[in-house]
C-alpha atoms as a PDB file:
ATOM      1  CA  MET A   1       0.000   0.000   0.000  1.00  0.00           C
ATOM      2  CA  SER A   2       1.385   3.349  -0.980  1.00  0.00           C
ATOM      3  CA  LYS A   3       0.496   6.651   0.591  1.00  0.00           C
ATOM      4  CA  CYS A   4      -1.658   9.064  -1.367  1.00  0.00           C
ATOM      5  CA  MET A   5      -1.936  12.871  -1.321  1.00  0.00           C
ATOM      6  CA  LEU A   6      -5.273  14.695  -1.394  1.00  0.00           C
ATOM      7  CA  TYR A   7      -6.063  18.273  -2.361  1.00  0.00           C
ATOM      8  CA  VAL A   8      -8.867  19.652  -0.167  1.00  0.00           C
ATOM      9  CA  GLY A   9     -10.479  22.894  -1.346  1.00  0.00           C
ATOM     10  CA  GLY A  10     -13.363  24.924   0.011  1.00  0.00           C
ATOM     11  CA  LEU A  11     -11.937  25.385   3.496  1.00  0.00           C
ATOM     12  CA  SER A  12     -12.897  28.398   5.587  1.00  0.00           C
ATOM     13  CA  GLU A  13     -10.489  31.229   6.491  1.00  0.00           C
ATOM     14  CA  ALA A  14     -10.348  29.870  10.034  1.00  0.00           C
ATOM     15  CA  ALA A  15      -9.573  26.251   9.050  1.00  0.00           C
ATOM     16  CA  SER A  16      -6.681  24.609  10.874  1.00  0.00           C
ATOM     17  CA  ASP A  17      -4.380  21.661  10.250  1.00  0.00           C
ATOM     18  CA  HIS A  18      -6.061  19.911  13.193  1.00  0.00           C
ATOM     19  CA  GLN A  19      -9.551  20.368  11.707  1.00  0.00           C
ATOM     20  CA  LEU A  20      -8.404  18.997   8.360  1.00  0.00           C
ATOM     21  CA  ARG A  21      -6.803  15.987  10.046  1.00  0.00           C
ATOM     22  CA  HIS A  22      -9.968  15.398  12.091  1.00  0.00           C
ATOM     23  CA  LEU A  23     -12.239  15.731   9.027  1.00  0.00           C
ATOM     24  CA  LEU A  24     -10.316  13.070   7.107  1.00  0.00           C
ATOM     25  CA  GLY A  25      -9.509  10.815  10.064  1.00  0.00           C
ATOM     26  CA  SER A  26     -12.787   8.906   9.780  1.00  0.00           C
ATOM     27  CA  TYR A  27     -11.651   7.546   6.416  1.00  0.00           C
ATOM     28  CA  GLY A  28      -8.245   6.216   7.403  1.00  0.00           C
ATOM     29  CA  THR A  29      -4.803   7.160   8.615  1.00  0.00           C
ATOM     30  CA  VAL A  30      -3.901  10.802   8.033  1.00  0.00           C
ATOM     31  CA  VAL A  31      -0.099  10.865   7.806  1.00  0.00           C
ATOM     32  CA  GLN A  32       0.061  14.653   7.525  1.00  0.00           C
ATOM     33  CA  ALA A  33      -2.390  17.497   6.898  1.00  0.00           C
ATOM     34  CA  TYR A  34      -1.585  21.110   6.050  1.00  0.00           C
ATOM     35  CA  VAL A  35      -3.867  24.065   5.444  1.00  0.00           C
ATOM     36  CA  ILE A  36      -2.177  26.561   3.120  1.00  0.00           C
ATOM     37  CA  ARG A  37      -2.077  30.035   4.698  1.00  0.00           C
ATOM     38  CA  TYR A  38      -1.479  33.566   3.492  1.00  0.00           C
ATOM     39  CA  LYS A  39       1.914  34.802   4.742  1.00  0.00           C
ATOM     40  CA  ARG A  40       0.778  38.146   6.128  1.00  0.00           C
ATOM     41  CA  SER A  41      -2.614  37.404   7.655  1.00  0.00           C
ATOM     42  CA  LYS A  42      -1.988  33.728   8.506  1.00  0.00           C
ATOM     43  CA  LYS A  43      -5.593  33.037   7.436  1.00  0.00           C
ATOM     44  CA  SER A  44      -6.389  29.935   5.435  1.00  0.00           C
ATOM     45  CA  ALA A  45      -6.094  30.345   1.677  1.00  0.00           C
ATOM     46  CA  GLY A  46      -9.113  28.061   1.380  1.00  0.00           C
ATOM     47  CA  TYR A  47      -7.302  24.848   0.545  1.00  0.00           C
ATOM     48  CA  GLY A  48      -4.870  22.329   1.912  1.00  0.00           C
ATOM     49  CA  PHE A  49      -3.242  18.968   1.363  1.00  0.00           C
ATOM     50  CA  ALA A  50      -3.470  15.742   3.299  1.00  0.00           C
ATOM     51  CA  GLU A  51      -1.449  12.580   2.954  1.00  0.00           C
ATOM     52  CA  MET A  52      -3.533   9.492   3.600  1.00  0.00           C
ATOM     53  CA  GLY A  53      -2.085   6.126   4.603  1.00  0.00           C
ATOM     54  CA  SER A  54      -3.205   4.405   1.394  1.00  0.00           C
ATOM     55  CA  LYS A  55      -4.813   5.111  -1.955  1.00  0.00           C
ATOM     56  CA  GLU A  56      -7.899   3.182  -0.853  1.00  0.00           C
ATOM     57  CA  GLU A  57      -8.345   5.470   2.176  1.00  0.00           C
ATOM     58  CA  ALA A  58      -7.869   8.554  -0.004  1.00  0.00           C
ATOM     59  CA  VAL A  59     -10.455   7.348  -2.536  1.00  0.00           C
ATOM     60  CA  SER A  60     -12.867   6.634   0.317  1.00  0.00           C
ATOM     61  CA  ALA A  61     -12.441  10.184   1.678  1.00  0.00           C
ATOM     62  CA  VAL A  62     -12.984  11.716  -1.772  1.00  0.00           C
ATOM     63  CA  ALA A  63     -16.109   9.625  -2.383  1.00  0.00           C
ATOM     64  CA  ALA A  64     -17.583  10.564   0.991  1.00  0.00           C
ATOM     65  CA  LEU A  65     -16.620  14.243   1.247  1.00  0.00           C
ATOM     66  CA  ASP A  66     -16.380  15.758  -2.239  1.00  0.00           C
ATOM     67  CA  GLY A  67     -19.241  18.228  -2.673  1.00  0.00           C
ATOM     68  CA  THR A  68     -20.361  18.119   0.961  1.00  0.00           C
ATOM     69  CA  MET A  69     -20.731  21.204   3.156  1.00  0.00           C
ATOM     70  CA  PHE A  70     -18.177  21.923   5.895  1.00  0.00           C
ATOM     71  CA  GLU A  71     -18.391  25.136   7.940  1.00  0.00           C
ATOM     72  CA  ASP A  72     -20.721  26.721   5.337  1.00  0.00           C
ATOM     73  CA  ASN A  73     -18.361  25.922   2.433  1.00  0.00           C
ATOM     74  CA  ARG A  74     -18.650  23.229  -0.236  1.00  0.00           C
ATOM     75  CA  LEU A  75     -15.631  20.921  -0.142  1.00  0.00           C
ATOM     76  CA  ARG A  76     -13.718  19.854  -3.256  1.00  0.00           C
ATOM     77  CA  LEU A  77     -11.403  16.865  -2.925  1.00  0.00           C
ATOM     78  CA  PHE A  78      -9.035  15.448  -5.537  1.00  0.00           C
ATOM     79  CA  LEU A  79      -6.325  12.814  -5.560  1.00  0.00           C
ATOM     80  CA  THR A  80      -3.055  14.480  -6.480  1.00  0.00           C
ATOM     81  CA  THR A  81       0.507  13.489  -7.205  1.00  0.00           C
ATOM     82  CA  HIS A  82       1.719  16.707  -5.548  1.00  0.00           C
ATOM     83  CA  GLU A  83       4.197  16.013  -2.776  1.00  0.00           C
ATOM     84  CA  VAL A  84       4.000  18.387   0.175  1.00  0.00           C
ATOM     85  CA  THR A  85       6.874  18.913   2.546  1.00  0.00           C
ATOM     86  CA  SER A  86       6.660  21.020   5.677  1.00  0.00           C
ATOM     87  CA  SER A  87       9.088  23.535   4.185  1.00  0.00           C
ATOM     88  CA  SER A  88       6.910  24.062   1.099  1.00  0.00           C
ATOM     89  CA  VAL A  89       3.767  24.949   3.032  1.00  0.00           C
ATOM     90  CA  ARG A  90       4.994  26.861   6.044  1.00  0.00           C
END
């Protein structure tokens, strides 16, 4: 089983890494989760990335959450080949 990266869009300005991890945790192991933030305001840019423990878990999260409402925003989830490192998102 290989790990799989998800793009998660439609997050609120107040979204946190912890909330993203918690949201996806019901669908499998969340290896890492990062909400992308604006440098000056530190508010969420409205999207983030999460690395799931397997492709099957990632597909399950996409199937369950894509298009659903979360904190008054419609979520968009996609499988991605993008690799996120802590230095690229912080």
